C-alpha atoms as a PDB file:
ATOM      1  CA  MET A   1      10.332  -1.817  66.114  1.00  0.00           C
ATOM      2  CA  ASP A   2       8.836  -4.305  63.676  1.00  0.00           C
ATOM      3  CA  VAL A   3       6.209  -2.753  61.449  1.00  0.00           C
ATOM      4  CA  LEU A   4       3.794  -5.374  61.617  1.00  0.00           C
ATOM      5  CA  ALA A   5       4.304  -6.364  65.451  1.00  0.00           C
ATOM      6  CA  ASN A   6       1.175  -8.026  66.899  1.00  0.00           C
ATOM      7  CA  LYS A   7      -0.489  -8.282  63.631  1.00  0.00           C
ATOM      8  CA  VAL A   8      -1.984 -11.313  61.967  1.00  0.00           C
ATOM      9  CA  ALA A   9      -2.056 -11.594  58.037  1.00  0.00           C
ATOM     10  CA  ILE A  10      -3.441 -13.938  55.457  1.00  0.00           C
ATOM     11  CA  VAL A  11      -1.531 -14.178  52.135  1.00  0.00           C
ATOM     12  CA  THR A  12      -2.954 -16.061  49.302  1.00  0.00           C
ATOM     13  CA  GLY A  13      -1.023 -17.183  46.305  1.00  0.00           C
ATOM     14  CA  ALA A  14       1.799 -17.702  48.713  1.00  0.00           C
ATOM     15  CA  SER A  15       3.286 -20.736  46.875  1.00  0.00           C
ATOM     16  CA  SER A  16       5.587 -18.484  44.794  1.00  0.00           C
ATOM     17  CA  GLY A  17       6.183 -14.957  43.417  1.00  0.00           C
ATOM     18  CA  ILE A  18       4.825 -11.883  44.927  1.00  0.00           C
ATOM     19  CA  GLY A  19       2.833 -13.829  47.486  1.00  0.00           C
ATOM     20  CA  ARG A  20       5.789 -15.800  48.821  1.00  0.00           C
ATOM     21  CA  ALA A  21       7.988 -12.759  49.054  1.00  0.00           C
ATOM     22  CA  THR A  22       5.211 -10.786  50.833  1.00  0.00           C
ATOM     23  CA  ALA A  23       4.613 -13.728  53.238  1.00  0.00           C
ATOM     24  CA  GLN A  24       8.394 -13.646  54.074  1.00  0.00           C
ATOM     25  CA  LEU A  25       8.587 -10.021  54.542  1.00  0.00           C
ATOM     26  CA  PHE A  26       5.474  -9.839  56.616  1.00  0.00           C
ATOM     27  CA  ALA A  27       6.996 -12.365  59.035  1.00  0.00           C
ATOM     28  CA  ARG A  28      10.343 -10.569  59.172  1.00  0.00           C
ATOM     29  CA  GLU A  29       8.323  -7.463  60.040  1.00  0.00           C
ATOM     30  CA  GLY A  30       6.855  -9.290  63.169  1.00  0.00           C
ATOM     31  CA  GLY A  31       3.602 -10.393  61.675  1.00  0.00           C
ATOM     32  CA  ALA A  32       2.099 -13.807  62.087  1.00  0.00           C
ATOM     33  CA  VAL A  33       1.106 -15.133  58.698  1.00  0.00           C
ATOM     34  CA  VAL A  34      -1.531 -17.628  57.397  1.00  0.00           C
ATOM     35  CA  VAL A  35      -0.195 -18.682  53.818  1.00  0.00           C
ATOM     36  CA  ALA A  36      -2.438 -20.203  51.251  1.00  0.00           C
ATOM     37  CA  GLY A  37      -2.243 -21.781  47.729  1.00  0.00           C
ATOM     38  CA  ARG A  38      -2.876 -24.908  46.086  1.00  0.00           C
ATOM     39  CA  ARG A  39       0.736 -26.483  46.294  1.00  0.00           C
ATOM     40  CA  ARG A  40       1.136 -27.887  49.792  1.00  0.00           C
ATOM     41  CA  ALA A  41       4.702 -28.790  49.570  1.00  0.00           C
ATOM     42  CA  GLU A  42       5.748 -25.203  48.598  1.00  0.00           C
ATOM     43  CA  LEU A  43       3.641 -23.934  51.357  1.00  0.00           C
ATOM     44  CA  GLU A  44       5.139 -26.157  53.792  1.00  0.00           C
ATOM     45  CA  SER A  45       8.558 -25.280  52.762  1.00  0.00           C
ATOM     46  CA  LEU A  46       7.552 -21.509  53.141  1.00  0.00           C
ATOM     47  CA  VAL A  47       6.355 -22.230  56.813  1.00  0.00           C
ATOM     48  CA  GLU A  48       9.618 -23.952  57.519  1.00  0.00           C
ATOM     49  CA  GLU A  49      11.633 -21.159  56.257  1.00  0.00           C
ATOM     50  CA  ILE A  50       9.679 -18.540  58.158  1.00  0.00           C
ATOM     51  CA  THR A  51       9.629 -20.545  61.456  1.00  0.00           C
ATOM     52  CA  GLY A  52      13.237 -21.433  61.168  1.00  0.00           C
ATOM     53  CA  LYS A  53      14.085 -17.759  61.197  1.00  0.00           C
ATOM     54  CA  GLY A  54      11.884 -17.177  64.410  1.00  0.00           C
ATOM     55  CA  GLY A  55       8.731 -16.099  62.668  1.00  0.00           C
ATOM     56  CA  ARG A  56       5.264 -17.397  63.049  1.00  0.00           C
ATOM     57  CA  ALA A  57       3.434 -19.103  60.136  1.00  0.00           C
ATOM     58  CA  VAL A  58       0.895 -21.709  59.347  1.00  0.00           C
ATOM     59  CA  CYS A  59      -0.276 -22.862  55.929  1.00  0.00           C
ATOM     60  CA  VAL A  60      -3.556 -24.041  54.523  1.00  0.00           C
ATOM     61  CA  ALA A  61      -3.737 -25.533  51.248  1.00  0.00           C
ATOM     62  CA  GLY A  62      -6.864 -25.205  49.003  1.00  0.00           C
ATOM     63  CA  ASP A  63      -8.565 -23.684  46.082  1.00  0.00           C
ATOM     64  CA  VAL A  64      -9.366 -19.862  46.300  1.00  0.00           C
ATOM     65  CA  ARG A  65     -12.454 -20.614  44.102  1.00  0.00           C
ATOM     66  CA  GLU A  66     -14.184 -22.198  46.872  1.00  0.00           C
ATOM     67  CA  GLU A  67     -15.852 -20.033  49.665  1.00  0.00           C
ATOM     68  CA  GLU A  68     -15.202 -22.852  52.163  1.00  0.00           C
ATOM     69  CA  HIS A  69     -11.342 -22.244  51.750  1.00  0.00           C
ATOM     70  CA  ALA A  70     -11.800 -18.353  52.507  1.00  0.00           C
ATOM     71  CA  GLN A  71     -13.719 -19.304  55.750  1.00  0.00           C
ATOM     72  CA  ALA A  72     -10.869 -21.850  56.576  1.00  0.00           C
ATOM     73  CA  LEU A  73      -8.282 -19.206  56.256  1.00  0.00           C
ATOM     74  CA  VAL A  74      -9.941 -16.755  58.529  1.00  0.00           C
ATOM     75  CA  GLN A  75     -10.894 -19.350  61.057  1.00  0.00           C
ATOM     76  CA  THR A  76      -7.264 -20.520  60.993  1.00  0.00           C
ATOM     77  CA  ALA A  77      -6.045 -17.040  61.675  1.00  0.00           C
ATOM     78  CA  ILE A  78      -8.353 -16.643  64.601  1.00  0.00           C
ATOM     79  CA  ASP A  79      -7.571 -20.164  66.082  1.00  0.00           C
ATOM     80  CA  ARG A  80      -3.885 -20.008  65.725  1.00  0.00           C
ATOM     81  CA  PHE A  81      -3.046 -16.435  66.297  1.00  0.00           C
ATOM     82  CA  GLY A  82      -6.089 -14.756  67.863  1.00  0.00           C
ATOM     83  CA  GLY A  83      -7.608 -12.795  65.091  1.00  0.00           C
ATOM     84  CA  LEU A  84      -7.110 -10.989  61.669  1.00  0.00           C
ATOM     85  CA  ASP A  85      -5.663  -7.614  60.837  1.00  0.00           C
ATOM     86  CA  ILE A  86      -4.363  -7.864  57.217  1.00  0.00           C
ATOM     87  CA  ALA A  87      -5.399  -9.825  54.227  1.00  0.00           C
ATOM     88  CA  PHE A  88      -3.325  -9.927  51.014  1.00  0.00           C
ATOM     89  CA  ASN A  89      -5.752 -11.378  48.395  1.00  0.00           C
ATOM     90  CA  ASN A  90      -3.113 -12.104  45.738  1.00  0.00           C
ATOM     91  CA  ALA A  91      -3.965 -15.377  44.173  1.00  0.00           C
ATOM     92  CA  GLY A  92      -4.386 -15.369  40.416  1.00  0.00           C
ATOM     93  CA  THR A  93      -4.154 -16.860  37.097  1.00  0.00           C
ATOM     94  CA  LEU A  94      -3.538 -15.668  33.435  1.00  0.00           C
ATOM     95  CA  GLY A  95      -6.423 -17.938  32.463  1.00  0.00           C
ATOM     96  CA  GLU A  96      -7.130 -18.886  28.871  1.00  0.00           C
ATOM     97  CA  MET A  97      -5.483 -16.593  26.451  1.00  0.00           C
ATOM     98  CA  GLY A  98      -5.835 -16.030  22.653  1.00  0.00           C
ATOM     99  CA  PRO A  99      -8.129 -14.120  20.404  1.00  0.00           C
ATOM    100  CA  THR A 100     -11.347 -13.313  22.302  1.00  0.00           C
ATOM    101  CA  SER A 101     -13.605 -15.080  19.699  1.00  0.00           C
ATOM    102  CA  GLY A 102     -11.815 -18.383  20.609  1.00  0.00           C
ATOM    103  CA  ILE A 103     -11.934 -18.093  24.460  1.00  0.00           C
ATOM    104  CA  SER A 104     -14.072 -20.838  25.865  1.00  0.00           C
ATOM    105  CA  ALA A 105     -17.006 -20.225  28.192  1.00  0.00           C
ATOM    106  CA  ALA A 106     -15.400 -22.475  30.769  1.00  0.00           C
ATOM    107  CA  GLY A 107     -11.943 -20.570  30.353  1.00  0.00           C
ATOM    108  CA  TRP A 108     -13.799 -17.259  30.914  1.00  0.00           C
ATOM    109  CA  SER A 109     -15.458 -18.451  33.977  1.00  0.00           C
ATOM    110  CA  ASP A 110     -12.531 -20.057  35.551  1.00  0.00           C
ATOM    111  CA  THR A 111     -10.355 -16.887  35.172  1.00  0.00           C
ATOM    112  CA  ILE A 112     -13.199 -14.765  36.674  1.00  0.00           C
ATOM    113  CA  ALA A 113     -13.607 -17.229  39.444  1.00  0.00           C
ATOM    114  CA  THR A 114      -9.968 -17.391  40.252  1.00  0.00           C
ATOM    115  CA  ASN A 115      -9.020 -13.700  40.152  1.00  0.00           C
ATOM    116  CA  LEU A 116     -12.334 -11.860  40.981  1.00  0.00           C
ATOM    117  CA  THR A 117     -14.718 -14.112  42.657  1.00  0.00           C
ATOM    118  CA  SER A 118     -12.059 -15.572  44.986  1.00  0.00           C
ATOM    119  CA  ALA A 119     -11.063 -11.968  46.188  1.00  0.00           C
ATOM    120  CA  PHE A 120     -14.916 -11.490  46.871  1.00  0.00           C
ATOM    121  CA  PHE A 121     -15.064 -14.681  48.893  1.00  0.00           C
ATOM    122  CA  GLY A 122     -11.983 -13.645  50.791  1.00  0.00           C
ATOM    123  CA  ALA A 123     -13.276 -10.150  51.633  1.00  0.00           C
ATOM    124  CA  LYS A 124     -16.508 -11.367  52.699  1.00  0.00           C
ATOM    125  CA  HIS A 125     -15.149 -13.608  55.424  1.00  0.00           C
ATOM    126  CA  GLN A 126     -12.158 -11.321  56.326  1.00  0.00           C
ATOM    127  CA  ILE A 127     -14.217  -8.252  57.005  1.00  0.00           C
ATOM    128  CA  PRO A 128     -16.124  -9.512  60.151  1.00  0.00           C
ATOM    129  CA  ALA A 129     -12.961 -10.598  61.782  1.00  0.00           C
ATOM    130  CA  MET A 130     -11.209  -7.389  61.122  1.00  0.00           C
ATOM    131  CA  LEU A 131     -14.227  -5.473  62.473  1.00  0.00           C
ATOM    132  CA  ALA A 132     -14.034  -7.611  65.539  1.00  0.00           C
ATOM    133  CA  ARG A 133     -10.389  -6.261  65.941  1.00  0.00           C
ATOM    134  CA  GLY A 134     -11.561  -2.651  65.361  1.00  0.00           C
ATOM    135  CA  ALA A 135      -9.545  -2.238  62.173  1.00  0.00           C
ATOM    136  CA  GLY A 136      -7.975  -3.918  59.249  1.00  0.00           C
ATOM    137  CA  SER A 137      -6.182  -3.680  55.879  1.00  0.00           C
ATOM    138  CA  ILE A 138      -7.503  -5.632  52.737  1.00  0.00           C
ATOM    139  CA  ILE A 139      -5.155  -5.545  49.826  1.00  0.00           C
ATOM    140  CA  PHE A 140      -5.932  -7.004  46.257  1.00  0.00           C
ATOM    141  CA  THR A 141      -3.380  -7.673  43.315  1.00  0.00           C
ATOM    142  CA  SER A 142      -4.783  -6.297  40.313  1.00  0.00           C
ATOM    143  CA  THR A 143      -2.583  -5.122  37.363  1.00  0.00           C
ATOM    144  CA  PHE A 144      -2.136  -2.210  34.959  1.00  0.00           C
ATOM    145  CA  VAL A 145      -3.461  -4.482  32.084  1.00  0.00           C
ATOM    146  CA  GLY A 146      -6.894  -3.356  31.327  1.00  0.00           C
ATOM    147  CA  TYR A 147      -6.431  -0.377  33.655  1.00  0.00           C
ATOM    148  CA  THR A 148      -3.826   1.960  31.702  1.00  0.00           C
ATOM    149  CA  VAL A 149      -2.809  -0.399  28.989  1.00  0.00           C
ATOM    150  CA  GLY A 150      -4.535  -2.720  26.741  1.00  0.00           C
ATOM    151  CA  PHE A 151      -2.985  -5.866  25.703  1.00  0.00           C
ATOM    152  CA  PRO A 152      -4.658  -8.338  22.941  1.00  0.00           C
ATOM    153  CA  GLY A 153      -5.298 -11.832  23.795  1.00  0.00           C
ATOM    154  CA  VAL A 154      -6.044 -11.506  27.524  1.00  0.00           C
ATOM    155  CA  ALA A 155      -9.645 -10.412  27.728  1.00  0.00           C
ATOM    156  CA  ALA A 156     -10.473 -12.710  30.654  1.00  0.00           C
ATOM    157  CA  TYR A 157      -7.480 -11.704  32.724  1.00  0.00           C
ATOM    158  CA  ALA A 158      -7.982  -8.046  31.991  1.00  0.00           C
ATOM    159  CA  ALA A 159     -11.607  -7.980  32.755  1.00  0.00           C
ATOM    160  CA  SER A 160     -11.141  -9.968  36.059  1.00  0.00           C
ATOM    161  CA  LYS A 161      -8.359  -7.733  37.328  1.00  0.00           C
ATOM    162  CA  ALA A 162     -10.109  -4.584  36.365  1.00  0.00           C
ATOM    163  CA  GLY A 163     -13.228  -5.785  38.290  1.00  0.00           C
ATOM    164  CA  LEU A 164     -10.974  -5.951  41.443  1.00  0.00           C
ATOM    165  CA  ILE A 165     -10.408  -2.185  41.263  1.00  0.00           C
ATOM    166  CA  GLY A 166     -14.160  -1.781  41.313  1.00  0.00           C
ATOM    167  CA  LEU A 167     -14.429  -4.170  44.224  1.00  0.00           C
ATOM    168  CA  THR A 168     -11.615  -2.045  45.985  1.00  0.00           C
ATOM    169  CA  GLN A 169     -13.572   1.143  45.666  1.00  0.00           C
ATOM    170  CA  SER A 170     -16.813  -0.230  46.756  1.00  0.00           C
ATOM    171  CA  LEU A 171     -15.380  -1.973  49.840  1.00  0.00           C
ATOM    172  CA  ALA A 172     -13.301   1.142  50.776  1.00  0.00           C
ATOM    173  CA  ALA A 173     -16.306   3.241  50.747  1.00  0.00           C
ATOM    174  CA  GLU A 174     -18.336   0.685  52.743  1.00  0.00           C
ATOM    175  CA  LEU A 175     -15.724   0.031  55.234  1.00  0.00           C
ATOM    176  CA  GLY A 176     -14.056   3.219  55.602  1.00  0.00           C
ATOM    177  CA  PRO A 177     -16.219   4.403  58.459  1.00  0.00           C
ATOM    178  CA  ARG A 178     -15.381   1.238  60.484  1.00  0.00           C
ATOM    179  CA  ALA A 179     -11.466   1.714  59.939  1.00  0.00           C
ATOM    180  CA  VAL A 180     -11.022  -1.053  57.522  1.00  0.00           C
ATOM    181  CA  ARG A 181      -8.920   0.101  54.614  1.00  0.00           C
ATOM    182  CA  VAL A 182      -9.189  -1.511  51.207  1.00  0.00           C
ATOM    183  CA  ASN A 183      -6.690  -1.016  48.504  1.00  0.00           C
ATOM    184  CA  ALA A 184      -5.099  -2.715  45.202  1.00  0.00           C
ATOM    185  CA  ILE A 185      -1.597  -3.011  43.966  1.00  0.00           C
ATOM    186  CA  LEU A 186      -1.121  -2.922  40.182  1.00  0.00           C
ATOM    187  CA  PRO A 187       2.144  -4.397  39.409  1.00  0.00           C
ATOM    188  CA  GLY A 188       3.953  -4.074  36.115  1.00  0.00           C
ATOM    189  CA  GLY A 189       6.245  -6.782  34.756  1.00  0.00           C
ATOM    190  CA  VAL A 190       7.580  -9.040  37.710  1.00  0.00           C
ATOM    191  CA  ASP A 191       9.900 -11.824  37.473  1.00  0.00           C
ATOM    192  CA  THR A 192       7.500 -14.700  38.684  1.00  0.00           C
ATOM    193  CA  PRO A 193       6.387 -18.034  37.253  1.00  0.00           C
ATOM    194  CA  MET A 194       3.191 -16.152  35.848  1.00  0.00           C
ATOM    195  CA  GLY A 195       5.296 -13.540  34.403  1.00  0.00           C
ATOM    196  CA  ARG A 196       7.464 -15.929  32.670  1.00  0.00           C
ATOM    197  CA  GLU A 197       4.471 -17.786  31.391  1.00  0.00           C
ATOM    198  CA  MET A 198       3.314 -14.626  29.444  1.00  0.00           C
ATOM    199  CA  SER A 199       6.723 -13.921  28.324  1.00  0.00           C
ATOM    200  CA  ASP A 200       8.246 -17.362  27.661  1.00  0.00           C
ATOM    201  CA  SER A 201      11.468 -16.570  25.933  1.00  0.00           C
ATOM    202  CA  PRO A 202      14.524 -14.254  26.524  1.00  0.00           C
ATOM    203  CA  GLU A 203      13.465 -12.246  23.626  1.00  0.00           C
ATOM    204  CA  ALA A 204      10.005 -11.748  25.000  1.00  0.00           C
ATOM    205  CA  MET A 205      11.115 -10.942  28.560  1.00  0.00           C
ATOM    206  CA  ALA A 206      13.581  -8.349  27.030  1.00  0.00           C
ATOM    207  CA  HIS A 207      10.557  -6.891  25.070  1.00  0.00           C
ATOM    208  CA  VAL A 208       8.493  -6.622  28.202  1.00  0.00           C
ATOM    209  CA  ALA A 209      11.348  -5.003  30.046  1.00  0.00           C
ATOM    210  CA  GLY A 210      11.668  -2.257  27.391  1.00  0.00           C
ATOM    211  CA  LEU A 211       8.231  -1.380  27.606  1.00  0.00           C
ATOM    212  CA  HIS A 212       8.951   0.024  31.301  1.00  0.00           C
ATOM    213  CA  ALA A 213      10.357   3.360  31.790  1.00  0.00           C
ATOM    214  CA  LEU A 214      12.980   1.690  34.017  1.00  0.00           C
ATOM    215  CA  LYS A 215      13.744  -0.673  31.250  1.00  0.00           C
ATOM    216  CA  ARG A 216      13.620  -3.749  33.588  1.00  0.00           C
ATOM    217  CA  ILE A 217      11.279  -5.840  35.223  1.00  0.00           C
ATOM    218  CA  ALA A 218      10.674  -6.090  39.056  1.00  0.00           C
ATOM    219  CA  THR A 219      11.701  -8.562  41.567  1.00  0.00           C
ATOM    220  CA  PRO A 220       8.821 -10.137  43.890  1.00  0.00           C
ATOM    221  CA  GLU A 221      10.498  -8.514  46.746  1.00  0.00           C
ATOM    222  CA  GLU A 222      10.230  -5.033  45.322  1.00  0.00           C
ATOM    223  CA  LEU A 223       6.340  -5.471  45.048  1.00  0.00           C
ATOM    224  CA  ALA A 224       6.328  -7.047  48.553  1.00  0.00           C
ATOM    225  CA  GLN A 225       7.733  -3.705  50.033  1.00  0.00           C
ATOM    226  CA  SER A 226       4.630  -1.882  48.461  1.00  0.00           C
ATOM    227  CA  VAL A 227       2.377  -4.470  49.859  1.00  0.00           C
ATOM    228  CA  LEU A 228       3.965  -3.897  53.236  1.00  0.00           C
ATOM    229  CA  TYR A 229       3.467  -0.296  53.050  1.00  0.00           C
ATOM    230  CA  MET A 230      -0.251  -0.617  52.417  1.00  0.00           C
ATOM    231  CA  ALA A 231      -0.790  -3.251  55.095  1.00  0.00           C
ATOM    232  CA  SER A 232       1.138  -1.000  57.711  1.00  0.00           C
ATOM    233  CA  ASP A 233       0.046   1.983  59.713  1.00  0.00           C
ATOM    234  CA  ALA A 234       2.328   4.183  57.421  1.00  0.00           C
ATOM    235  CA  ALA A 235      -0.683   3.946  55.013  1.00  0.00           C
ATOM    236  CA  SER A 236      -3.310   4.807  57.655  1.00  0.00           C
ATOM    237  CA  PHE A 237      -4.854   7.448  55.508  1.00  0.00           C
ATOM    238  CA  MET A 238      -4.932   5.355  52.344  1.00  0.00           C
ATOM    239  CA  THR A 239      -8.009   3.544  51.202  1.00  0.00           C
ATOM    240  CA  GLY A 240      -9.673   2.929  47.752  1.00  0.00           C
ATOM    241  CA  ALA A 241      -6.475   3.385  45.879  1.00  0.00           C
ATOM    242  CA  ALA A 242      -5.348   1.489  42.843  1.00  0.00           C
ATOM    243  CA  LEU A 243      -1.698   1.872  43.231  1.00  0.00           C
ATOM    244  CA  LEU A 244       0.468   1.447  40.269  1.00  0.00           C
ATOM    245  CA  VAL A 245       3.938  -0.210  41.116  1.00  0.00           C
ATOM    246  CA  ASP A 246       4.732  -0.695  37.520  1.00  0.00           C
ATOM    247  CA  GLY A 247       8.085   0.596  36.738  1.00  0.00           C
ATOM    248  CA  GLY A 248       6.602   3.380  34.513  1.00  0.00           C
ATOM    249  CA  VAL A 249       4.940   0.935  31.974  1.00  0.00           C
ATOM    250  CA  SER A 250       1.728   2.882  32.156  1.00  0.00           C
ATOM    251  CA  ILE A 251       3.434   6.238  31.113  1.00  0.00           C
ATOM    252  CA  ASN A 252       6.219   5.016  29.055  1.00  0.00           C
ATOM    253  CA  ARG A 253       6.327   5.913  25.266  1.00  0.00           C
ATOM    254  CA  SER A 254      10.049   5.502  24.622  1.00  0.00           C
END
């Protein structure tokens, strides 16, 4: 039986990387998906791929920094598929990088808005729809950076992603009595456009791979499997967790 049969999910940041792989997996496991991102052409190709294989999907292009976009995603899930059970708030950015003394106020604010405020907007509007269904699962994409490992030059990124863990814990405590689970996934290095932006040469990629206990970086599909677990009833007693799926980068010293 499909793991997500009769479930409806929102996936943000679905144009590429972990979001795209997760949307594909959710659909293969029987879920209906509302996929979101800023690049409409990529979203439309994803919907075509999913529906071409017999899945159910619709796309809504927009900017996660805008609260109206979060509202539109939930309303689309209700209008097209009858409700909302799962939300993977995955959209994010590396933001402005470099020495902290050189980060602009605009760069800081944009990173916080994209990585943290967007997740708040998402949850704010997803929660009522899930409560109407009697249960739900909200998942955020955080990172090990700023949680178990400090990297220089990414202050805004680290702060915004660490903030997601606080949001996860607060919402989990708030919503647990009403059967809405809230968790965060903390990837290590993943072969995505964002990952390649941070490590922009073969030598840099090899260095990052070597930081992990597994001596490699992950594929988006591997991370999608962990998101599926958190979204599914297999994780029915899991909430408030910051789940490291990081190939051992947090513990490796070799």
